[in-house]
Amino acid sequence: MLRRATQSNQGHNDLLTERQARDQELPMSLAWYRRRRVLGNGPPFIRVSNRVFYRRSELRRWIVEHAVDRAPEARQ
């Protein structure tokens, strides 16, 4: 039973509001987050009624997937 409660707390801590996501993981403007949601090319999100949440783990995964290495011409 304790294990289940711990997993539940970890899942709860993983959910971030839009502002928390900006402040703690990806420091972009709130307008950037909203624009990305509308365009469909931003981090995965969860919408509950009119509230938006991001999973910390999904934000981190999205950041890694969108990391850009140096330009190929800069490597030479």
C-alpha atoms as a PDB file:
ATOM      1  CA  MET A   1       0.000   0.000   0.000  1.00  0.00           C
ATOM      2  CA  LEU A   2       2.878   2.388   0.787  1.00  0.00           C
ATOM      3  CA  ARG A   3       4.402   1.673  -2.619  1.00  0.00           C
ATOM      4  CA  ARG A   4       1.162   2.630  -4.361  1.00  0.00           C
ATOM      5  CA  ALA A   5       0.971   5.906  -2.429  1.00  0.00           C
ATOM      6  CA  THR A   6       4.570   6.702  -3.339  1.00  0.00           C
ATOM      7  CA  GLN A   7       3.905   6.046  -7.023  1.00  0.00           C
ATOM      8  CA  SER A   8       0.833   8.242  -6.827  1.00  0.00           C
ATOM      9  CA  ASN A   9       2.834  11.076  -5.273  1.00  0.00           C
ATOM     10  CA  GLN A  10       5.538  10.734  -7.911  1.00  0.00           C
ATOM     11  CA  GLY A  11       2.912  10.954 -10.652  1.00  0.00           C
ATOM     12  CA  HIS A  12       1.419  14.030  -9.019  1.00  0.00           C
ATOM     13  CA  ASN A  13       4.831  15.697  -8.742  1.00  0.00           C
ATOM     14  CA  ASP A  14       5.403  14.930 -12.419  1.00  0.00           C
ATOM     15  CA  LEU A  15       2.440  17.122 -13.461  1.00  0.00           C
ATOM     16  CA  LEU A  16       3.240  20.773 -13.945  1.00  0.00           C
ATOM     17  CA  THR A  17       1.027  23.712 -14.710  1.00  0.00           C
ATOM     18  CA  GLU A  18       1.995  25.846 -17.674  1.00  0.00           C
ATOM     19  CA  ARG A  19       3.704  28.357 -15.395  1.00  0.00           C
ATOM     20  CA  GLN A  20       5.560  25.642 -13.479  1.00  0.00           C
ATOM     21  CA  ALA A  21       6.712  24.120 -16.766  1.00  0.00           C
ATOM     22  CA  ARG A  22       8.044  27.512 -17.810  1.00  0.00           C
ATOM     23  CA  ASP A  23       9.696  28.225 -14.462  1.00  0.00           C
ATOM     24  CA  GLN A  24      11.142  24.775 -13.796  1.00  0.00           C
ATOM     25  CA  GLU A  25      11.841  23.057 -17.109  1.00  0.00           C
ATOM     26  CA  LEU A  26      11.546  25.078 -20.320  1.00  0.00           C
ATOM     27  CA  PRO A  27      11.875  28.839 -19.797  1.00  0.00           C
ATOM     28  CA  MET A  28       9.800  30.088 -22.719  1.00  0.00           C
ATOM     29  CA  SER A  29       6.974  32.619 -22.591  1.00  0.00           C
ATOM     30  CA  LEU A  30       3.437  31.483 -21.853  1.00  0.00           C
ATOM     31  CA  ALA A  31       2.537  32.739 -25.330  1.00  0.00           C
ATOM     32  CA  TRP A  32       5.138  30.333 -26.755  1.00  0.00           C
ATOM     33  CA  TYR A  33       3.483  27.402 -24.956  1.00  0.00           C
ATOM     34  CA  ARG A  34       0.041  28.434 -26.191  1.00  0.00           C
ATOM     35  CA  ARG A  35       1.220  28.981 -29.751  1.00  0.00           C
ATOM     36  CA  ARG A  36       2.915  25.572 -29.803  1.00  0.00           C
ATOM     37  CA  ARG A  37      -0.262  23.889 -28.564  1.00  0.00           C
ATOM     38  CA  VAL A  38      -2.327  25.543 -31.294  1.00  0.00           C
ATOM     39  CA  LEU A  39       0.212  24.676 -33.993  1.00  0.00           C
ATOM     40  CA  GLY A  40       0.598  21.140 -32.633  1.00  0.00           C
ATOM     41  CA  ASN A  41       4.388  21.165 -32.541  1.00  0.00           C
ATOM     42  CA  GLY A  42       5.074  21.709 -28.864  1.00  0.00           C
ATOM     43  CA  PRO A  43       5.567  19.414 -25.912  1.00  0.00           C
ATOM     44  CA  PRO A  44       2.769  16.921 -25.194  1.00  0.00           C
ATOM     45  CA  PHE A  45       0.192  18.320 -22.778  1.00  0.00           C
ATOM     46  CA  ILE A  46      -2.874  17.278 -20.839  1.00  0.00           C
ATOM     47  CA  ARG A  47      -6.015  19.375 -20.941  1.00  0.00           C
ATOM     48  CA  VAL A  48      -8.525  19.028 -18.125  1.00  0.00           C
ATOM     49  CA  SER A  49     -11.450  21.339 -18.744  1.00  0.00           C
ATOM     50  CA  ASN A  50      -9.770  24.715 -19.309  1.00  0.00           C
ATOM     51  CA  ARG A  51      -6.531  23.848 -17.472  1.00  0.00           C
ATOM     52  CA  VAL A  52      -3.360  22.650 -19.151  1.00  0.00           C
ATOM     53  CA  PHE A  53      -0.717  20.454 -17.581  1.00  0.00           C
ATOM     54  CA  TYR A  54       2.622  19.117 -18.736  1.00  0.00           C
ATOM     55  CA  ARG A  55       4.372  16.026 -17.461  1.00  0.00           C
ATOM     56  CA  ARG A  56       7.894  16.865 -16.358  1.00  0.00           C
ATOM     57  CA  SER A  57       9.182  13.659 -17.972  1.00  0.00           C
ATOM     58  CA  GLU A  58       7.495  14.485 -21.301  1.00  0.00           C
ATOM     59  CA  LEU A  59       8.907  18.015 -21.291  1.00  0.00           C
ATOM     60  CA  ARG A  60      12.401  16.680 -20.707  1.00  0.00           C
ATOM     61  CA  ARG A  61      11.970  14.072 -23.445  1.00  0.00           C
ATOM     62  CA  TRP A  62      10.684  16.730 -25.875  1.00  0.00           C
ATOM     63  CA  ILE A  63      13.648  18.995 -25.100  1.00  0.00           C
ATOM     64  CA  VAL A  64      16.125  16.173 -25.776  1.00  0.00           C
ATOM     65  CA  GLU A  65      14.364  15.237 -29.016  1.00  0.00           C
ATOM     66  CA  HIS A  66      14.529  18.847 -30.226  1.00  0.00           C
ATOM     67  CA  ALA A  67      18.112  19.523 -29.244  1.00  0.00           C
ATOM     68  CA  VAL A  68      20.179  20.703 -32.175  1.00  0.00           C
ATOM     69  CA  ASP A  69      23.806  19.779 -32.442  1.00  0.00           C
ATOM     70  CA  ARG A  70      26.230  22.215 -33.991  1.00  0.00           C
ATOM     71  CA  ALA A  71      25.655  22.908 -37.660  1.00  0.00           C
ATOM     72  CA  PRO A  72      27.413  20.350 -39.910  1.00  0.00           C
ATOM     73  CA  GLU A  73      29.630  23.042 -41.450  1.00  0.00           C
ATOM     74  CA  ALA A  74      30.827  24.081 -37.984  1.00  0.00           C
ATOM     75  CA  ARG A  75      32.206  20.587 -37.349  1.00  0.00           C
ATOM     76  CA  GLN A  76      34.855  20.828 -40.075  1.00  0.00           C
END
